[in-house]
Amino acid sequence: MKGRTTDGSSGQTWKDAKKMATMVDLWMAAVKEQTDDMLKKGSRRKMDMNRSSSENLVMKKEKLTERERKSINWVKKNYIEKILISREIDGPVPQQDLRSMDCGIFVMYYMDKLSK
């Protein structure tokens, strides 16, 4: 597997994981700031795909589903700080072959490690 490392210390996989964690952090922080308001009103603001364009973002109010309410409560109670990504992963980092299409198990492995 030319161009890939398996020690978790460099490469595109590491950069992608860091980028994803940053995106999740931004989303979690934004949701946490709005949790009380969303739960009190029972709704959230969502982009109106039919009326929005690349020049004009149109938001609409949408009622929270029970699953969204549970997720928002979880964020409110559990999200404290940024997601810490460590290069210290037990053992070598598994990577699929360049020609492989079965990425699901690799995604599950990384999500398990990130969630801890």
PDB file of N, CA and C in Angstrom:
ATOM      1  N   MET A   1       0.853  -1.180   0.000  1.00  0.00           N
ATOM      2  CA  MET A   1       0.000   0.000   0.000  1.00  0.00           C
ATOM      3  C   MET A   1       0.896   1.239   0.000  1.00  0.00           C
ATOM      4  N   LYS A   2       1.344   1.563  -1.120  1.00  0.00           N
ATOM      5  CA  LYS A   2       2.262   2.685  -1.280  1.00  0.00           C
ATOM      6  C   LYS A   2       1.609   4.003  -0.839  1.00  0.00           C
ATOM      7  N   GLY A   3       2.381   4.815  -0.103  1.00  0.00           N
ATOM      8  CA  GLY A   3       1.890   6.121   0.308  1.00  0.00           C
ATOM      9  C   GLY A   3       1.045   6.113   1.562  1.00  0.00           C
ATOM     10  N   ARG A   4       0.877   4.972   2.191  1.00  0.00           N
ATOM     11  CA  ARG A   4       0.066   4.890   3.398  1.00  0.00           C
ATOM     12  C   ARG A   4       0.926   4.479   4.581  1.00  0.00           C
ATOM     13  N   THR A   5       0.594   4.974   5.731  1.00  0.00           N
ATOM     14  CA  THR A   5       1.270   4.543   6.947  1.00  0.00           C
ATOM     15  C   THR A   5       0.276   3.775   7.793  1.00  0.00           C
ATOM     16  N   THR A   6       0.796   2.932   8.660  1.00  0.00           N
ATOM     17  CA  THR A   6      -0.091   2.155   9.535  1.00  0.00           C
ATOM     18  C   THR A   6       0.152   2.457  11.000  1.00  0.00           C
ATOM     19  N   ASP A   7       0.992   3.437  11.288  1.00  0.00           N
ATOM     20  CA  ASP A   7       1.275   3.735  12.688  1.00  0.00           C
ATOM     21  C   ASP A   7       0.395   4.829  13.262  1.00  0.00           C
ATOM     22  N   GLY A   8      -0.518   5.390  12.485  1.00  0.00           N
ATOM     23  CA  GLY A   8      -1.445   6.399  12.979  1.00  0.00           C
ATOM     24  C   GLY A   8      -0.833   7.770  13.180  1.00  0.00           C
ATOM     25  N   SER A   9       0.410   7.968  12.766  1.00  0.00           N
ATOM     26  CA  SER A   9       1.084   9.232  13.062  1.00  0.00           C
ATOM     27  C   SER A   9       1.122  10.213  11.896  1.00  0.00           C
ATOM     28  N   SER A  10       0.770   9.784  10.716  1.00  0.00           N
ATOM     29  CA  SER A  10       0.805  10.697   9.582  1.00  0.00           C
ATOM     30  C   SER A  10      -0.140  10.195   8.501  1.00  0.00           C
ATOM     31  N   GLY A  11      -0.167  10.902   7.405  1.00  0.00           N
ATOM     32  CA  GLY A  11      -0.985  10.466   6.283  1.00  0.00           C
ATOM     33  C   GLY A  11      -2.337  11.132   6.240  1.00  0.00           C
ATOM     34  N   GLN A  12      -3.027  10.906   5.162  1.00  0.00           N
ATOM     35  CA  GLN A  12      -4.324  11.523   4.921  1.00  0.00           C
ATOM     36  C   GLN A  12      -5.387  11.051   5.909  1.00  0.00           C
ATOM     37  N   THR A  13      -5.307   9.801   6.334  1.00  0.00           N
ATOM     38  CA  THR A  13      -6.296   9.281   7.283  1.00  0.00           C
ATOM     39  C   THR A  13      -6.299  10.109   8.566  1.00  0.00           C
ATOM     40  N   TRP A  14      -5.106  10.407   9.076  1.00  0.00           N
ATOM     41  CA  TRP A  14      -4.987  11.223  10.296  1.00  0.00           C
ATOM     42  C   TRP A  14      -5.550  12.615  10.065  1.00  0.00           C
ATOM     43  N   LYS A  15      -5.206  13.232   8.933  1.00  0.00           N
ATOM     44  CA  LYS A  15      -5.690  14.582   8.623  1.00  0.00           C
ATOM     45  C   LYS A  15      -7.216  14.589   8.505  1.00  0.00           C
ATOM     46  N   ASP A  16      -7.765  13.564   7.866  1.00  0.00           N
ATOM     47  CA  ASP A  16      -9.219  13.478   7.714  1.00  0.00           C
ATOM     48  C   ASP A  16      -9.919  13.319   9.059  1.00  0.00           C
ATOM     49  N   ALA A  17      -9.342  12.511   9.946  1.00  0.00           N
ATOM     50  CA  ALA A  17      -9.932  12.318  11.280  1.00  0.00           C
ATOM     51  C   ALA A  17      -9.916  13.624  12.064  1.00  0.00           C
ATOM     52  N   LYS A  18      -8.817  14.352  11.998  1.00  0.00           N
ATOM     53  CA  LYS A  18      -8.722  15.643  12.699  1.00  0.00           C
ATOM     54  C   LYS A  18      -9.757  16.631  12.139  1.00  0.00           C
ATOM     55  N   LYS A  19      -9.910  16.665  10.822  1.00  0.00           N
ATOM     56  CA  LYS A  19     -10.864  17.573  10.182  1.00  0.00           C
ATOM     57  C   LYS A  19     -12.299  17.217  10.602  1.00  0.00           C
ATOM     58  N   MET A  20     -12.618  15.927  10.613  1.00  0.00           N
ATOM     59  CA  MET A  20     -13.960  15.491  11.006  1.00  0.00           C
ATOM     60  C   MET A  20     -14.240  15.851  12.460  1.00  0.00           C
ATOM     61  N   ALA A  21     -13.258  15.645  13.338  1.00  0.00           N
ATOM     62  CA  ALA A  21     -13.445  15.985  14.753  1.00  0.00           C
ATOM     63  C   ALA A  21     -13.690  17.479  14.921  1.00  0.00           C
ATOM     64  N   THR A  22     -12.993  18.298  14.156  1.00  0.00           N
ATOM     65  CA  THR A  22     -13.192  19.750  14.217  1.00  0.00           C
ATOM     66  C   THR A  22     -14.605  20.110  13.781  1.00  0.00           C
ATOM     67  N   MET A  23     -15.089  19.484  12.715  1.00  0.00           N
ATOM     68  CA  MET A  23     -16.444  19.755  12.234  1.00  0.00           C
ATOM     69  C   MET A  23     -17.485  19.339  13.272  1.00  0.00           C
ATOM     70  N   VAL A  24     -17.294  18.179  13.896  1.00  0.00           N
ATOM     71  CA  VAL A  24     -18.225  17.704  14.920  1.00  0.00           C
ATOM     72  C   VAL A  24     -18.203  18.641  16.122  1.00  0.00           C
ATOM     73  N   ASP A  25     -16.997  19.085  16.516  1.00  0.00           N
ATOM     74  CA  ASP A  25     -16.882  20.041  17.621  1.00  0.00           C
ATOM     75  C   ASP A  25     -17.679  21.310  17.353  1.00  0.00           C
ATOM     76  N   LEU A  26     -17.548  21.857  16.162  1.00  0.00           N
ATOM     77  CA  LEU A  26     -18.261  23.082  15.809  1.00  0.00           C
ATOM     78  C   LEU A  26     -19.771  22.865  15.887  1.00  0.00           C
ATOM     79  N   TRP A  27     -20.239  21.734  15.372  1.00  0.00           N
ATOM     80  CA  TRP A  27     -21.664  21.428  15.395  1.00  0.00           C
ATOM     81  C   TRP A  27     -22.154  21.259  16.829  1.00  0.00           C
ATOM     82  N   MET A  28     -21.403  20.494  17.629  1.00  0.00           N
ATOM     83  CA  MET A  28     -21.803  20.249  19.014  1.00  0.00           C
ATOM     84  C   MET A  28     -21.853  21.549  19.812  1.00  0.00           C
ATOM     85  N   ALA A  29     -20.850  22.407  19.628  1.00  0.00           N
ATOM     86  CA  ALA A  29     -20.825  23.681  20.351  1.00  0.00           C
ATOM     87  C   ALA A  29     -22.011  24.550  19.947  1.00  0.00           C
ATOM     88  N   ALA A  30     -22.326  24.582  18.652  1.00  0.00           N
ATOM     89  CA  ALA A  30     -23.462  25.384  18.166  1.00  0.00           C
ATOM     90  C   ALA A  30     -24.771  24.852  18.732  1.00  0.00           C
ATOM     91  N   VAL A  31     -24.939  23.543  18.743  1.00  0.00           N
ATOM     92  CA  VAL A  31     -26.166  22.949  19.284  1.00  0.00           C
ATOM     93  C   VAL A  31     -26.258  23.217  20.783  1.00  0.00           C
ATOM     94  N   LYS A  32     -25.148  23.053  21.498  1.00  0.00           N
ATOM     95  CA  LYS A  32     -25.173  23.257  22.954  1.00  0.00           C
ATOM     96  C   LYS A  32     -25.610  24.677  23.303  1.00  0.00           C
ATOM     97  N   GLU A  33     -25.160  25.661  22.533  1.00  0.00           N
ATOM     98  CA  GLU A  33     -25.555  27.052  22.787  1.00  0.00           C
ATOM     99  C   GLU A  33     -27.055  27.255  22.642  1.00  0.00           C
ATOM    100  N   GLN A  34     -27.691  26.442  21.819  1.00  0.00           N
ATOM    101  CA  GLN A  34     -29.107  26.627  21.507  1.00  0.00           C
ATOM    102  C   GLN A  34     -30.019  25.627  22.207  1.00  0.00           C
ATOM    103  N   THR A  35     -29.471  24.708  23.010  1.00  0.00           N
ATOM    104  CA  THR A  35     -30.297  23.630  23.571  1.00  0.00           C
ATOM    105  C   THR A  35     -31.488  24.124  24.376  1.00  0.00           C
ATOM    106  N   ASP A  36     -31.258  25.042  25.301  1.00  0.00           N
ATOM    107  CA  ASP A  36     -32.365  25.518  26.140  1.00  0.00           C
ATOM    108  C   ASP A  36     -33.471  26.137  25.303  1.00  0.00           C
ATOM    109  N   ASP A  37     -33.088  26.960  24.340  1.00  0.00           N
ATOM    110  CA  ASP A  37     -34.068  27.622  23.485  1.00  0.00           C
ATOM    111  C   ASP A  37     -34.848  26.607  22.646  1.00  0.00           C
ATOM    112  N   MET A  38     -34.142  25.644  22.055  1.00  0.00           N
ATOM    113  CA  MET A  38     -34.816  24.640  21.223  1.00  0.00           C
ATOM    114  C   MET A  38     -35.769  23.787  22.046  1.00  0.00           C
ATOM    115  N   LEU A  39     -35.335  23.374  23.226  1.00  0.00           N
ATOM    116  CA  LEU A  39     -36.191  22.527  24.065  1.00  0.00           C
ATOM    117  C   LEU A  39     -37.397  23.299  24.582  1.00  0.00           C
ATOM    118  N   LYS A  40     -37.207  24.560  24.927  1.00  0.00           N
ATOM    119  CA  LYS A  40     -38.306  25.393  25.419  1.00  0.00           C
ATOM    120  C   LYS A  40     -39.356  25.618  24.327  1.00  0.00           C
ATOM    121  N   LYS A  41     -38.875  25.944  23.118  1.00  0.00           N
ATOM    122  CA  LYS A  41     -39.797  26.210  22.010  1.00  0.00           C
ATOM    123  C   LYS A  41     -40.296  24.943  21.328  1.00  0.00           C
ATOM    124  N   GLY A  42     -39.573  23.832  21.503  1.00  0.00           N
ATOM    125  CA  GLY A  42     -39.972  22.579  20.865  1.00  0.00           C
ATOM    126  C   GLY A  42     -39.730  22.573  19.369  1.00  0.00           C
ATOM    127  N   SER A  43     -38.828  23.463  18.929  1.00  0.00           N
ATOM    128  CA  SER A  43     -38.530  23.527  17.497  1.00  0.00           C
ATOM    129  C   SER A  43     -37.070  23.924  17.279  1.00  0.00           C
ATOM    130  N   ARG A  44     -36.649  23.809  16.041  1.00  0.00           N
ATOM    131  CA  ARG A  44     -35.310  24.222  15.651  1.00  0.00           C
ATOM    132  C   ARG A  44     -35.391  24.927  14.306  1.00  0.00           C
ATOM    133  N   ARG A  45     -34.347  25.672  14.006  1.00  0.00           N
ATOM    134  CA  ARG A  45     -34.290  26.344  12.711  1.00  0.00           C
ATOM    135  C   ARG A  45     -33.540  25.439  11.748  1.00  0.00           C
ATOM    136  N   LYS A  46     -34.060  25.350  10.538  1.00  0.00           N
ATOM    137  CA  LYS A  46     -33.487  24.477   9.527  1.00  0.00           C
ATOM    138  C   LYS A  46     -33.459  25.217   8.198  1.00  0.00           C
ATOM    139  N   MET A  47     -32.452  24.938   7.383  1.00  0.00           N
ATOM    140  CA  MET A  47     -32.372  25.581   6.077  1.00  0.00           C
ATOM    141  C   MET A  47     -33.524  25.106   5.188  1.00  0.00           C
ATOM    142  N   ASP A  48     -34.191  26.051   4.554  1.00  0.00           N
ATOM    143  CA  ASP A  48     -35.268  25.745   3.613  1.00  0.00           C
ATOM    144  C   ASP A  48     -34.626  25.476   2.258  1.00  0.00           C
ATOM    145  N   MET A  49     -34.515  24.205   1.907  1.00  0.00           N
ATOM    146  CA  MET A  49     -33.835  23.813   0.672  1.00  0.00           C
ATOM    147  C   MET A  49     -34.549  24.331  -0.577  1.00  0.00           C
ATOM    148  N   ASN A  50     -35.854  24.480  -0.514  1.00  0.00           N
ATOM    149  CA  ASN A  50     -36.608  24.924  -1.685  1.00  0.00           C
ATOM    150  C   ASN A  50     -36.460  26.419  -1.965  1.00  0.00           C
ATOM    151  N   ARG A  51     -36.280  27.198  -0.907  1.00  0.00           N
ATOM    152  CA  ARG A  51     -36.225  28.655  -1.073  1.00  0.00           C
ATOM    153  C   ARG A  51     -34.820  29.234  -0.957  1.00  0.00           C
ATOM    154  N   SER A  52     -33.851  28.423  -0.545  1.00  0.00           N
ATOM    155  CA  SER A  52     -32.472  28.903  -0.388  1.00  0.00           C
ATOM    156  C   SER A  52     -31.697  28.766  -1.692  1.00  0.00           C
ATOM    157  N   SER A  53     -30.710  29.618  -1.821  1.00  0.00           N
ATOM    158  CA  SER A  53     -29.799  29.541  -2.964  1.00  0.00           C
ATOM    159  C   SER A  53     -28.386  29.791  -2.449  1.00  0.00           C
ATOM    160  N   SER A  54     -27.402  29.720  -3.346  1.00  0.00           N
ATOM    161  CA  SER A  54     -26.024  29.964  -2.920  1.00  0.00           C
ATOM    162  C   SER A  54     -25.824  31.414  -2.486  1.00  0.00           C
ATOM    163  N   GLU A  55     -26.694  32.317  -2.924  1.00  0.00           N
ATOM    164  CA  GLU A  55     -26.602  33.729  -2.549  1.00  0.00           C
ATOM    165  C   GLU A  55     -27.504  34.094  -1.373  1.00  0.00           C
ATOM    166  N   ASN A  56     -28.548  33.304  -1.146  1.00  0.00           N
ATOM    167  CA  ASN A  56     -29.549  33.661  -0.141  1.00  0.00           C
ATOM    168  C   ASN A  56     -29.956  32.437   0.675  1.00  0.00           C
ATOM    169  N   LEU A  57     -29.590  32.429   1.950  1.00  0.00           N
ATOM    170  CA  LEU A  57     -29.944  31.338   2.845  1.00  0.00           C
ATOM    171  C   LEU A  57     -31.262  31.669   3.526  1.00  0.00           C
ATOM    172  N   VAL A  58     -32.245  30.796   3.378  1.00  0.00           N
ATOM    173  CA  VAL A  58     -33.560  30.990   3.991  1.00  0.00           C
ATOM    174  C   VAL A  58     -33.760  29.888   5.031  1.00  0.00           C
ATOM    175  N   MET A  59     -34.060  30.315   6.245  1.00  0.00           N
ATOM    176  CA  MET A  59     -34.269  29.364   7.335  1.00  0.00           C
ATOM    177  C   MET A  59     -35.766  29.213   7.611  1.00  0.00           C
ATOM    178  N   LYS A  60     -36.142  28.032   8.094  1.00  0.00           N
ATOM    179  CA  LYS A  60     -37.528  27.808   8.490  1.00  0.00           C
ATOM    180  C   LYS A  60     -37.543  27.119   9.844  1.00  0.00           C
ATOM    181  N   LYS A  61     -38.645  27.270  10.550  1.00  0.00           N
ATOM    182  CA  LYS A  61     -38.830  26.672  11.868  1.00  0.00           C
ATOM    183  C   LYS A  61     -39.427  25.277  11.670  1.00  0.00           C
ATOM    184  N   GLU A  62     -38.855  24.293  12.355  1.00  0.00           N
ATOM    185  CA  GLU A  62     -39.348  22.931  12.239  1.00  0.00           C
ATOM    186  C   GLU A  62     -39.499  22.307  13.619  1.00  0.00           C
ATOM    187  N   LYS A  63     -40.612  21.633  13.847  1.00  0.00           N
ATOM    188  CA  LYS A  63     -40.891  21.009  15.132  1.00  0.00           C
ATOM    189  C   LYS A  63     -39.892  19.883  15.401  1.00  0.00           C
ATOM    190  N   LEU A  64     -39.436  19.789  16.654  1.00  0.00           N
ATOM    191  CA  LEU A  64     -38.498  18.738  17.044  1.00  0.00           C
ATOM    192  C   LEU A  64     -39.191  17.381  17.074  1.00  0.00           C
ATOM    193  N   THR A  65     -38.514  16.381  16.554  1.00  0.00           N
ATOM    194  CA  THR A  65     -39.002  15.012  16.702  1.00  0.00           C
ATOM    195  C   THR A  65     -38.547  14.508  18.075  1.00  0.00           C
ATOM    196  N   GLU A  66     -39.094  13.410  18.520  1.00  0.00           N
ATOM    197  CA  GLU A  66     -38.686  12.851  19.805  1.00  0.00           C
ATOM    198  C   GLU A  66     -37.212  12.466  19.785  1.00  0.00           C
ATOM    199  N   ARG A  67     -36.734  11.931  18.670  1.00  0.00           N
ATOM    200  CA  ARG A  67     -35.323  11.562  18.546  1.00  0.00           C
ATOM    201  C   ARG A  67     -34.437  12.803  18.626  1.00  0.00           C
ATOM    202  N   GLU A  68     -34.830  13.895  17.977  1.00  0.00           N
ATOM    203  CA  GLU A  68     -34.057  15.140  18.047  1.00  0.00           C
ATOM    204  C   GLU A  68     -34.038  15.688  19.473  1.00  0.00           C
ATOM    205  N   ARG A  69     -35.170  15.603  20.142  1.00  0.00           N
ATOM    206  CA  ARG A  69     -35.249  16.067  21.528  1.00  0.00           C
ATOM    207  C   ARG A  69     -34.276  15.281  22.409  1.00  0.00           C
ATOM    208  N   LYS A  70     -34.211  13.963  22.229  1.00  0.00           N
ATOM    209  CA  LYS A  70     -33.286  13.126  22.986  1.00  0.00           C
ATOM    210  C   LYS A  70     -31.837  13.495  22.657  1.00  0.00           C
ATOM    211  N   SER A  71     -31.547  13.707  21.382  1.00  0.00           N
ATOM    212  CA  SER A  71     -30.188  14.070  20.969  1.00  0.00           C
ATOM    213  C   SER A  71     -29.772  15.412  21.560  1.00  0.00           C
ATOM    214  N   ILE A  72     -30.668  16.371  21.526  1.00  0.00           N
ATOM    215  CA  ILE A  72     -30.373  17.705  22.063  1.00  0.00           C
ATOM    216  C   ILE A  72     -30.144  17.626  23.569  1.00  0.00           C
ATOM    217  N   ASN A  73     -30.964  16.842  24.260  1.00  0.00           N
ATOM    218  CA  ASN A  73     -30.763  16.647  25.700  1.00  0.00           C
ATOM    219  C   ASN A  73     -29.413  15.994  25.986  1.00  0.00           C
ATOM    220  N   TRP A  74     -29.033  15.020  25.141  1.00  0.00           N
ATOM    221  CA  TRP A  74     -27.737  14.364  25.329  1.00  0.00           C
ATOM    222  C   TRP A  74     -26.605  15.378  25.169  1.00  0.00           C
ATOM    223  N   VAL A  75     -26.675  16.204  24.130  1.00  0.00           N
ATOM    224  CA  VAL A  75     -25.636  17.217  23.907  1.00  0.00           C
ATOM    225  C   VAL A  75     -25.573  18.157  25.102  1.00  0.00           C
ATOM    226  N   LYS A  76     -26.736  18.581  25.573  1.00  0.00           N
ATOM    227  CA  LYS A  76     -26.794  19.516  26.706  1.00  0.00           C
ATOM    228  C   LYS A  76     -26.117  18.929  27.940  1.00  0.00           C
ATOM    229  N   LYS A  77     -26.346  17.663  28.214  1.00  0.00           N
ATOM    230  CA  LYS A  77     -25.828  17.036  29.425  1.00  0.00           C
ATOM    231  C   LYS A  77     -24.388  16.535  29.289  1.00  0.00           C
ATOM    232  N   ASN A  78     -23.971  16.169  28.084  1.00  0.00           N
ATOM    233  CA  ASN A  78     -22.707  15.455  27.948  1.00  0.00           C
ATOM    234  C   ASN A  78     -21.579  16.189  27.235  1.00  0.00           C
ATOM    235  N   TYR A  79     -21.903  17.118  26.368  1.00  0.00           N
ATOM    236  CA  TYR A  79     -20.822  17.770  25.620  1.00  0.00           C
ATOM    237  C   TYR A  79     -20.192  18.856  26.485  1.00  0.00           C
ATOM    238  N   ILE A  80     -18.940  18.666  26.846  1.00  0.00           N
ATOM    239  CA  ILE A  80     -18.251  19.583  27.739  1.00  0.00           C
ATOM    240  C   ILE A  80     -17.129  20.324  27.026  1.00  0.00           C
ATOM    241  N   GLU A  81     -16.337  19.613  26.270  1.00  0.00           N
ATOM    242  CA  GLU A  81     -15.173  20.218  25.638  1.00  0.00           C
ATOM    243  C   GLU A  81     -14.925  19.580  24.281  1.00  0.00           C
ATOM    244  N   LYS A  82     -13.866  20.012  23.655  1.00  0.00           N
ATOM    245  CA  LYS A  82     -13.527  19.500  22.338  1.00  0.00           C
ATOM    246  C   LYS A  82     -13.228  18.009  22.376  1.00  0.00           C
ATOM    247  N   ILE A  83     -13.464  17.381  21.243  1.00  0.00           N
ATOM    248  CA  ILE A  83     -13.130  15.975  21.084  1.00  0.00           C
ATOM    249  C   ILE A  83     -11.613  15.874  20.965  1.00  0.00           C
ATOM    250  N   LEU A  84     -11.028  15.076  21.816  1.00  0.00           N
ATOM    251  CA  LEU A  84      -9.580  14.911  21.784  1.00  0.00           C
ATOM    252  C   LEU A  84      -9.232  13.710  20.918  1.00  0.00           C
ATOM    253  N   ILE A  85      -8.412  13.936  19.928  1.00  0.00           N
ATOM    254  CA  ILE A  85      -7.967  12.844  19.071  1.00  0.00           C
ATOM    255  C   ILE A  85      -6.509  12.595  19.395  1.00  0.00           C
ATOM    256  N   SER A  86      -6.220  11.380  19.760  1.00  0.00           N
ATOM    257  CA  SER A  86      -4.863  11.015  20.128  1.00  0.00           C
ATOM    258  C   SER A  86      -4.241  10.158  19.052  1.00  0.00           C
ATOM    259  N   ARG A  87      -2.985  10.361  18.825  1.00  0.00           N
ATOM    260  CA  ARG A  87      -2.257   9.507  17.903  1.00  0.00           C
ATOM    261  C   ARG A  87      -1.921   8.177  18.573  1.00  0.00           C
ATOM    262  N   GLU A  88      -2.223   8.070  19.848  1.00  0.00           N
ATOM    263  CA  GLU A  88      -1.909   6.865  20.608  1.00  0.00           C
ATOM    264  C   GLU A  88      -3.061   5.876  20.509  1.00  0.00           C
ATOM    265  N   ILE A  89      -3.150   5.184  19.412  1.00  0.00           N
ATOM    266  CA  ILE A  89      -4.165   4.148  19.222  1.00  0.00           C
ATOM    267  C   ILE A  89      -3.475   2.813  19.464  1.00  0.00           C
ATOM    268  N   ASP A  90      -4.130   1.942  20.230  1.00  0.00           N
ATOM    269  CA  ASP A  90      -3.524   0.640  20.528  1.00  0.00           C
ATOM    270  C   ASP A  90      -3.287  -0.144  19.253  1.00  0.00           C
ATOM    271  N   GLY A  91      -2.034  -0.443  19.001  1.00  0.00           N
ATOM    272  CA  GLY A  91      -1.676  -1.263  17.848  1.00  0.00           C
ATOM    273  C   GLY A  91      -1.688  -0.489  16.545  1.00  0.00           C
ATOM    274  N   PRO A  92      -1.415  -1.173  15.470  1.00  0.00           N
ATOM    275  CA  PRO A  92      -1.393  -0.513  14.160  1.00  0.00           C
ATOM    276  C   PRO A  92      -2.790  -0.078  13.725  1.00  0.00           C
ATOM    277  N   VAL A  93      -2.849   0.943  12.917  1.00  0.00           N
ATOM    278  CA  VAL A  93      -4.124   1.453  12.419  1.00  0.00           C
ATOM    279  C   VAL A  93      -4.524   0.654  11.184  1.00  0.00           C
ATOM    280  N   PRO A  94      -5.661  -0.042  11.213  1.00  0.00           N
ATOM    281  CA  PRO A  94      -6.052  -0.832  10.046  1.00  0.00           C
ATOM    282  C   PRO A  94      -6.463   0.072   8.894  1.00  0.00           C
ATOM    283  N   GLN A  95      -6.105  -0.322   7.706  1.00  0.00           N
ATOM    284  CA  GLN A  95      -6.492   0.403   6.500  1.00  0.00           C
ATOM    285  C   GLN A  95      -6.843  -0.610   5.426  1.00  0.00           C
ATOM    286  N   GLN A  96      -7.863  -0.298   4.667  1.00  0.00           N
ATOM    287  CA  GLN A  96      -8.266  -1.205   3.612  1.00  0.00           C
ATOM    288  C   GLN A  96      -7.344  -1.059   2.414  1.00  0.00           C
ATOM    289  N   ASP A  97      -7.316  -2.068   1.593  1.00  0.00           N
ATOM    290  CA  ASP A  97      -6.542  -2.047   0.360  1.00  0.00           C
ATOM    291  C   ASP A  97      -7.093  -0.967  -0.560  1.00  0.00           C
ATOM    292  N   LEU A  98      -6.243  -0.393  -1.371  1.00  0.00           N
ATOM    293  CA  LEU A  98      -6.658   0.691  -2.271  1.00  0.00           C
ATOM    294  C   LEU A  98      -7.801   0.285  -3.195  1.00  0.00           C
ATOM    295  N   ARG A  99      -7.911  -0.980  -3.533  1.00  0.00           N
ATOM    296  CA  ARG A  99      -8.958  -1.452  -4.455  1.00  0.00           C
ATOM    297  C   ARG A  99     -10.199  -1.966  -3.737  1.00  0.00           C
ATOM    298  N   SER A 100     -10.196  -1.924  -2.416  1.00  0.00           N
ATOM    299  CA  SER A 100     -11.279  -2.491  -1.631  1.00  0.00           C
ATOM    300  C   SER A 100     -12.491  -1.563  -1.580  1.00  0.00           C
ATOM    301  N   MET A 101     -13.662  -2.157  -1.527  1.00  0.00           N
ATOM    302  CA  MET A 101     -14.908  -1.399  -1.427  1.00  0.00           C
ATOM    303  C   MET A 101     -15.596  -1.615  -0.076  1.00  0.00           C
ATOM    304  N   ASP A 102     -14.993  -2.401   0.794  1.00  0.00           N
ATOM    305  CA  ASP A 102     -15.638  -2.740   2.067  1.00  0.00           C
ATOM    306  C   ASP A 102     -15.123  -1.860   3.207  1.00  0.00           C
ATOM    307  N   CYS A 103     -15.437  -0.577   3.130  1.00  0.00           N
ATOM    308  CA  CYS A 103     -14.910   0.387   4.102  1.00  0.00           C
ATOM    309  C   CYS A 103     -15.702   0.404   5.404  1.00  0.00           C
ATOM    310  N   GLY A 104     -16.857  -0.215   5.458  1.00  0.00           N
ATOM    311  CA  GLY A 104     -17.723  -0.148   6.638  1.00  0.00           C
ATOM    312  C   GLY A 104     -17.035  -0.543   7.931  1.00  0.00           C
ATOM    313  N   ILE A 105     -16.291  -1.637   7.915  1.00  0.00           N
ATOM    314  CA  ILE A 105     -15.631  -2.103   9.136  1.00  0.00           C
ATOM    315  C   ILE A 105     -14.560  -1.121   9.580  1.00  0.00           C
ATOM    316  N   PHE A 106     -13.903  -0.455   8.633  1.00  0.00           N
ATOM    317  CA  PHE A 106     -12.885   0.529   8.975  1.00  0.00           C
ATOM    318  C   PHE A 106     -13.525   1.779   9.580  1.00  0.00           C
ATOM    319  N   VAL A 107     -14.634   2.192   9.027  1.00  0.00           N
ATOM    320  CA  VAL A 107     -15.360   3.342   9.573  1.00  0.00           C
ATOM    321  C   VAL A 107     -15.803   3.029  10.997  1.00  0.00           C
ATOM    322  N   MET A 108     -16.338   1.838  11.216  1.00  0.00           N
ATOM    323  CA  MET A 108     -16.788   1.446  12.553  1.00  0.00           C
ATOM    324  C   MET A 108     -15.621   1.436  13.543  1.00  0.00           C
ATOM    325  N   TYR A 109     -14.454   0.941  13.121  1.00  0.00           N
ATOM    326  CA  TYR A 109     -13.282   0.912  13.991  1.00  0.00           C
ATOM    327  C   TYR A 109     -12.894   2.345  14.398  1.00  0.00           C
ATOM    328  N   TYR A 110     -12.780   3.228  13.415  1.00  0.00           N
ATOM    329  CA  TYR A 110     -12.384   4.606  13.719  1.00  0.00           C
ATOM    330  C   TYR A 110     -13.421   5.314  14.584  1.00  0.00           C
ATOM    331  N   MET A 111     -14.707   5.114  14.309  1.00  0.00           N
ATOM    332  CA  MET A 111     -15.747   5.739  15.120  1.00  0.00           C
ATOM    333  C   MET A 111     -15.695   5.229  16.556  1.00  0.00           C
ATOM    334  N   ASP A 112     -15.434   3.943  16.729  1.00  0.00           N
ATOM    335  CA  ASP A 112     -15.295   3.384  18.074  1.00  0.00           C
ATOM    336  C   ASP A 112     -14.144   4.053  18.802  1.00  0.00           C
ATOM    337  N   LYS A 113     -13.011   4.187  18.151  1.00  0.00           N
ATOM    338  CA  LYS A 113     -11.832   4.804  18.792  1.00  0.00           C
ATOM    339  C   LYS A 113     -12.087   6.281  19.074  1.00  0.00           C
ATOM    340  N   LEU A 114     -12.700   7.002  18.130  1.00  0.00           N
ATOM    341  CA  LEU A 114     -12.978   8.426  18.329  1.00  0.00           C
ATOM    342  C   LEU A 114     -13.983   8.658  19.453  1.00  0.00           C
ATOM    343  N   SER A 115     -14.974   7.773  19.557  1.00  0.00           N
ATOM    344  CA  SER A 115     -16.020   7.964  20.564  1.00  0.00           C
ATOM    345  C   SER A 115     -15.499   7.753  21.982  1.00  0.00           C
ATOM    346  N   LYS A 116     -14.385   7.064  22.117  1.00  0.00           N
ATOM    347  CA  LYS A 116     -13.823   6.830  23.453  1.00  0.00           C
ATOM    348  C   LYS A 116     -12.934   7.973  23.841  1.00  0.00           C
TER     349      LYS A 116
END
